[in-house]
Amino acid sequence: MSVGRIIEEMTPKLRGWIAYFKLAKVKGIFEELDGWIRRKLRCVIWRQWKRTYTRAKNLMKRGLAEERAWRSATNGRGPWWNAGAPHMHDAFRAGYVARLGLVSLQHELRRLQSLT
């Protein structure tokens, strides 16, 4: 399934979840959840790029230098580790998933709390 499709399916659930917990006064938990969701999406992307060549080529397309892209693609680590690694952070900033339509729990919480 494409990342766009995953985000499309997650958005109503995230909006409903944050609307339910809008009275919560803890901001740290929502920061952690936002980060975890972005990392999980980067993990999905890494798994979709099954071959080393594909990973290196796509990392280069996302702006990484050729040497760094090849080192990252051939590091032998798992998808979860790579999703949290600096090369994936540099390739997929938080703004990338926001442009795809991912709802930020923090921003949504602030918006809902300002309405009440």
C-alpha atoms as a PDB file:
ATOM      1  CA  MET A   1       0.000   0.000   0.000  1.00  0.00           C
ATOM      2  CA  SER A   2       1.339   3.446  -0.812  1.00  0.00           C
ATOM      3  CA  VAL A   3       2.227   5.907   1.927  1.00  0.00           C
ATOM      4  CA  GLY A   4      -0.369   8.344   0.595  1.00  0.00           C
ATOM      5  CA  ARG A   5      -3.056   5.698   0.916  1.00  0.00           C
ATOM      6  CA  ILE A   6      -1.936   4.816   4.457  1.00  0.00           C
ATOM      7  CA  ILE A   7      -2.106   8.485   5.457  1.00  0.00           C
ATOM      8  CA  GLU A   8      -5.513   8.822   3.799  1.00  0.00           C
ATOM      9  CA  GLU A   9      -6.844   5.923   5.900  1.00  0.00           C
ATOM     10  CA  MET A  10      -5.161   7.111   9.115  1.00  0.00           C
ATOM     11  CA  THR A  11      -6.308  10.742   8.992  1.00  0.00           C
ATOM     12  CA  PRO A  12      -9.950  10.248  10.102  1.00  0.00           C
ATOM     13  CA  LYS A  13      -8.827   7.925  12.901  1.00  0.00           C
ATOM     14  CA  LEU A  14      -6.212  10.389  14.110  1.00  0.00           C
ATOM     15  CA  ARG A  15      -8.670  13.297  13.988  1.00  0.00           C
ATOM     16  CA  GLY A  16     -11.235  11.293  15.966  1.00  0.00           C
ATOM     17  CA  TRP A  17      -8.628  10.155  18.467  1.00  0.00           C
ATOM     18  CA  ILE A  18      -7.340  13.662  19.113  1.00  0.00           C
ATOM     19  CA  ALA A  19     -10.912  15.032  19.356  1.00  0.00           C
ATOM     20  CA  TYR A  20     -11.580  12.448  22.071  1.00  0.00           C
ATOM     21  CA  PHE A  21      -8.437  13.405  24.015  1.00  0.00           C
ATOM     22  CA  LYS A  22      -8.607  17.163  23.375  1.00  0.00           C
ATOM     23  CA  LEU A  23      -8.991  17.954  27.081  1.00  0.00           C
ATOM     24  CA  ALA A  24      -5.635  16.377  27.866  1.00  0.00           C
ATOM     25  CA  LYS A  25      -3.063  18.853  29.110  1.00  0.00           C
ATOM     26  CA  VAL A  26       0.014  16.763  28.313  1.00  0.00           C
ATOM     27  CA  LYS A  27       1.919  17.922  25.271  1.00  0.00           C
ATOM     28  CA  GLY A  28       4.868  15.509  25.489  1.00  0.00           C
ATOM     29  CA  ILE A  29       2.794  12.444  24.696  1.00  0.00           C
ATOM     30  CA  PHE A  30       1.450  13.993  21.504  1.00  0.00           C
ATOM     31  CA  GLU A  31       4.976  14.992  20.443  1.00  0.00           C
ATOM     32  CA  GLU A  32       6.144  11.404  20.933  1.00  0.00           C
ATOM     33  CA  LEU A  33       3.170   9.994  19.035  1.00  0.00           C
ATOM     34  CA  ASP A  34       3.737  12.391  16.127  1.00  0.00           C
ATOM     35  CA  GLY A  35       7.373  11.299  15.964  1.00  0.00           C
ATOM     36  CA  TRP A  36       6.476   7.612  16.218  1.00  0.00           C
ATOM     37  CA  ILE A  37       3.931   7.881  13.379  1.00  0.00           C
ATOM     38  CA  ARG A  38       6.456   9.639  11.115  1.00  0.00           C
ATOM     39  CA  ARG A  39       9.076   6.983  11.924  1.00  0.00           C
ATOM     40  CA  LYS A  40       6.598   4.192  11.169  1.00  0.00           C
ATOM     41  CA  LEU A  41       5.857   5.779   7.786  1.00  0.00           C
ATOM     42  CA  ARG A  42       9.594   5.993   7.038  1.00  0.00           C
ATOM     43  CA  CYS A  43       9.810   2.302   8.013  1.00  0.00           C
ATOM     44  CA  VAL A  44       7.062   1.481   5.519  1.00  0.00           C
ATOM     45  CA  ILE A  45       8.930   3.408   2.814  1.00  0.00           C
ATOM     46  CA  TRP A  46      12.176   1.543   3.601  1.00  0.00           C
ATOM     47  CA  ARG A  47      10.366  -1.800   3.333  1.00  0.00           C
ATOM     48  CA  GLN A  48       8.799  -0.823   0.033  1.00  0.00           C
ATOM     49  CA  TRP A  49      12.266  -0.165  -1.373  1.00  0.00           C
ATOM     50  CA  LYS A  50      13.156  -3.859  -1.197  1.00  0.00           C
ATOM     51  CA  ARG A  51      16.443  -3.901  -3.067  1.00  0.00           C
ATOM     52  CA  THR A  52      19.686  -2.175  -2.117  1.00  0.00           C
ATOM     53  CA  TYR A  53      19.909  -0.530  -5.529  1.00  0.00           C
ATOM     54  CA  THR A  54      16.381   0.869  -5.192  1.00  0.00           C
ATOM     55  CA  ARG A  55      17.124   2.214  -1.723  1.00  0.00           C
ATOM     56  CA  ALA A  56      20.324   3.949  -2.842  1.00  0.00           C
ATOM     57  CA  LYS A  57      18.712   5.351  -5.992  1.00  0.00           C
ATOM     58  CA  ASN A  58      15.702   6.726  -4.106  1.00  0.00           C
ATOM     59  CA  LEU A  59      17.842   8.208  -1.336  1.00  0.00           C
ATOM     60  CA  MET A  60      19.866  10.014  -3.995  1.00  0.00           C
ATOM     61  CA  LYS A  61      16.621  11.295  -5.546  1.00  0.00           C
ATOM     62  CA  ARG A  62      15.666  12.650  -2.114  1.00  0.00           C
ATOM     63  CA  GLY A  63      18.881  14.680  -1.960  1.00  0.00           C
ATOM     64  CA  LEU A  64      21.497  12.487  -0.276  1.00  0.00           C
ATOM     65  CA  ALA A  65      25.019  12.346  -1.670  1.00  0.00           C
ATOM     66  CA  GLU A  66      25.843   9.217  -3.660  1.00  0.00           C
ATOM     67  CA  GLU A  67      28.373   7.861  -1.165  1.00  0.00           C
ATOM     68  CA  ARG A  68      26.085   8.422   1.807  1.00  0.00           C
ATOM     69  CA  ALA A  69      23.131   6.890  -0.035  1.00  0.00           C
ATOM     70  CA  TRP A  70      25.088   3.736  -0.852  1.00  0.00           C
ATOM     71  CA  ARG A  71      26.451   3.455   2.703  1.00  0.00           C
ATOM     72  CA  SER A  72      22.920   3.800   4.058  1.00  0.00           C
ATOM     73  CA  ALA A  73      21.407   1.340   1.598  1.00  0.00           C
ATOM     74  CA  THR A  74      24.008  -1.335   2.346  1.00  0.00           C
ATOM     75  CA  ASN A  75      24.232  -0.941   6.137  1.00  0.00           C
ATOM     76  CA  GLY A  76      22.514  -4.287   6.813  1.00  0.00           C
ATOM     77  CA  ARG A  77      20.305  -2.856   9.548  1.00  0.00           C
ATOM     78  CA  GLY A  78      16.582  -3.451   9.782  1.00  0.00           C
ATOM     79  CA  PRO A  79      13.765  -1.203   8.627  1.00  0.00           C
ATOM     80  CA  TRP A  80      12.958   0.197  12.083  1.00  0.00           C
ATOM     81  CA  TRP A  81      16.580   1.152  12.744  1.00  0.00           C
ATOM     82  CA  ASN A  82      16.882   2.770   9.315  1.00  0.00           C
ATOM     83  CA  ALA A  83      13.599   4.651   9.821  1.00  0.00           C
ATOM     84  CA  GLY A  84      15.147   6.391  12.816  1.00  0.00           C
ATOM     85  CA  ALA A  85      18.571   6.911  11.238  1.00  0.00           C
ATOM     86  CA  PRO A  86      19.815  10.347  10.139  1.00  0.00           C
ATOM     87  CA  HIS A  87      19.804   9.440   6.447  1.00  0.00           C
ATOM     88  CA  MET A  88      16.047   8.841   6.494  1.00  0.00           C
ATOM     89  CA  HIS A  89      15.467  11.984   8.569  1.00  0.00           C
ATOM     90  CA  ASP A  90      17.385  13.982   5.979  1.00  0.00           C
ATOM     91  CA  ALA A  91      15.541  12.350   3.082  1.00  0.00           C
ATOM     92  CA  PHE A  92      12.068  12.594   4.633  1.00  0.00           C
ATOM     93  CA  ARG A  93      11.590  15.645   6.820  1.00  0.00           C
ATOM     94  CA  ALA A  94       8.413  16.139   8.854  1.00  0.00           C
ATOM     95  CA  GLY A  95       7.126  18.459   6.127  1.00  0.00           C
ATOM     96  CA  TYR A  96       7.097  15.604   3.613  1.00  0.00           C
ATOM     97  CA  VAL A  97       4.374  13.653   5.409  1.00  0.00           C
ATOM     98  CA  ALA A  98       2.522  16.891   6.174  1.00  0.00           C
ATOM     99  CA  ARG A  99       2.394  17.625   2.425  1.00  0.00           C
ATOM    100  CA  LEU A 100       0.975  14.137   1.907  1.00  0.00           C
ATOM    101  CA  GLY A 101      -1.827  15.067   4.303  1.00  0.00           C
ATOM    102  CA  LEU A 102      -0.737  13.567   7.630  1.00  0.00           C
ATOM    103  CA  VAL A 103      -2.438  15.290  10.536  1.00  0.00           C
ATOM    104  CA  SER A 104      -0.106  16.479  13.287  1.00  0.00           C
ATOM    105  CA  LEU A 105      -1.592  15.521  16.632  1.00  0.00           C
ATOM    106  CA  GLN A 106       0.030  18.541  18.282  1.00  0.00           C
ATOM    107  CA  HIS A 107      -1.326  21.048  15.774  1.00  0.00           C
ATOM    108  CA  GLU A 108      -4.766  19.456  15.817  1.00  0.00           C
ATOM    109  CA  LEU A 109      -4.798  19.502  19.646  1.00  0.00           C
ATOM    110  CA  ARG A 110      -3.849  23.192  19.724  1.00  0.00           C
ATOM    111  CA  ARG A 111      -6.548  23.971  17.165  1.00  0.00           C
ATOM    112  CA  LEU A 112      -9.248  22.097  19.103  1.00  0.00           C
ATOM    113  CA  GLN A 113      -8.222  23.588  22.456  1.00  0.00           C
ATOM    114  CA  SER A 114      -8.339  27.110  21.041  1.00  0.00           C
ATOM    115  CA  LEU A 115     -11.930  26.543  19.911  1.00  0.00           C
ATOM    116  CA  THR A 116     -13.141  25.700  23.413  1.00  0.00           C
END
